[in-house]
Protein backbone atom coordinates (compact mmCIF):
# COMPACT_ATOMS: atom_id res chain seq x y z
CA MET A 1 -37.54 -2.67 67.84
CA SER A 2 -34.08 -3.88 66.97
CA GLU A 3 -32.82 -4.35 63.46
CA GLN A 4 -32.63 -8.14 63.91
CA GLU A 5 -36.31 -8.24 65.03
CA THR A 6 -37.18 -6.19 61.96
CA ASN A 7 -35.29 -8.53 59.69
CA ASP A 8 -36.89 -11.58 61.30
CA GLN A 9 -40.35 -10.16 60.64
CA ASP A 10 -39.44 -9.32 57.03
CA SER A 11 -38.21 -12.81 56.39
CA THR A 12 -41.33 -14.40 57.75
CA GLU A 13 -43.60 -12.51 55.39
CA ALA A 14 -44.48 -14.29 52.15
CA PRO A 15 -42.58 -12.66 49.26
CA GLN A 16 -44.86 -10.53 47.06
CA LYS A 17 -44.73 -11.15 43.30
CA LEU A 18 -43.05 -8.20 41.47
CA SER A 19 -45.01 -6.28 38.94
CA PHE A 20 -43.62 -6.19 35.35
CA TRP A 21 -42.73 -2.50 35.78
CA LYS A 22 -40.71 -3.20 38.83
CA MET A 23 -38.91 -6.00 36.97
CA MET A 24 -38.21 -3.60 34.05
CA LEU A 25 -36.82 -1.00 36.50
CA SER A 26 -34.62 -3.60 38.13
CA VAL A 27 -33.34 -4.67 34.73
CA MET A 28 -32.53 -1.10 33.78
CA GLN A 29 -30.82 -0.42 37.09
CA ALA A 30 -28.76 -3.56 36.89
CA SER A 31 -27.74 -2.89 33.28
CA PHE A 32 -26.34 0.46 34.26
CA GLY A 33 -24.84 -0.94 37.47
CA VAL A 34 -26.82 1.23 39.92
CA GLN A 35 -29.04 -1.34 41.58
CA ASN A 36 -28.69 -1.55 45.32
CA ARG A 37 -28.29 -4.78 47.35
CA LYS A 38 -31.83 -4.49 48.88
CA ASN A 39 -33.51 -4.50 45.41
CA LYS A 40 -31.28 -7.31 44.16
CA GLU A 41 -32.26 -9.50 47.16
CA ARG A 42 -35.94 -8.56 46.66
CA ASP A 43 -35.66 -9.57 42.99
CA PHE A 44 -34.11 -12.97 43.75
CA ALA A 45 -36.61 -13.62 46.53
CA SER A 46 -39.85 -12.73 44.70
CA GLY A 47 -39.22 -12.27 41.05
CA SER A 48 -39.83 -14.86 38.34
CA ILE A 49 -37.04 -15.78 35.94
CA LYS A 50 -39.36 -15.75 32.95
CA GLY A 51 -40.46 -12.20 33.83
CA PHE A 52 -36.85 -11.00 34.14
CA ILE A 53 -35.93 -12.68 30.78
CA VAL A 54 -38.80 -10.89 29.04
CA ALA A 55 -38.00 -7.58 30.64
CA ALA A 56 -34.30 -7.98 29.75
CA LEU A 57 -35.17 -8.80 26.08
CA ILE A 58 -37.47 -5.80 25.85
CA PHE A 59 -34.91 -3.53 27.42
CA THR A 60 -32.20 -4.77 25.09
CA VAL A 61 -34.23 -4.31 21.97
CA LEU A 62 -35.32 -0.78 23.03
CA PHE A 63 -31.74 0.15 24.02
CA VAL A 64 -30.32 -0.98 20.67
CA LEU A 65 -33.04 0.72 18.70
CA THR A 66 -32.47 3.98 20.73
CA VAL A 67 -28.68 3.86 20.11
CA ALA A 68 -29.20 3.12 16.42
CA THR A 69 -31.73 5.98 16.09
CA VAL A 70 -29.38 8.44 17.77
CA VAL A 71 -26.43 7.39 15.62
CA ASN A 72 -28.55 7.61 12.47
CA LEU A 73 -29.76 11.12 13.42
CA VAL A 74 -26.19 12.29 14.11
CA LEU A 75 -24.81 10.92 10.89
CA ASN A 76 -27.59 12.41 8.66
């Protein structure tokens, strides 16, 4: 089967809703700049903006708390 036929079949399938954990993984990958084009396209096709906003807020809070904790441990 050619690549074009495979792409046509993929585009005719209904996009599956992403789980929260896949959204969180995508947010983490994107924040560090390591997300590939395939995942980015999947996210835009089947992810919900509300889910990504929640995942990004959770990631941001956890990241800031982790950095603050590490800095606090180093300085004490």
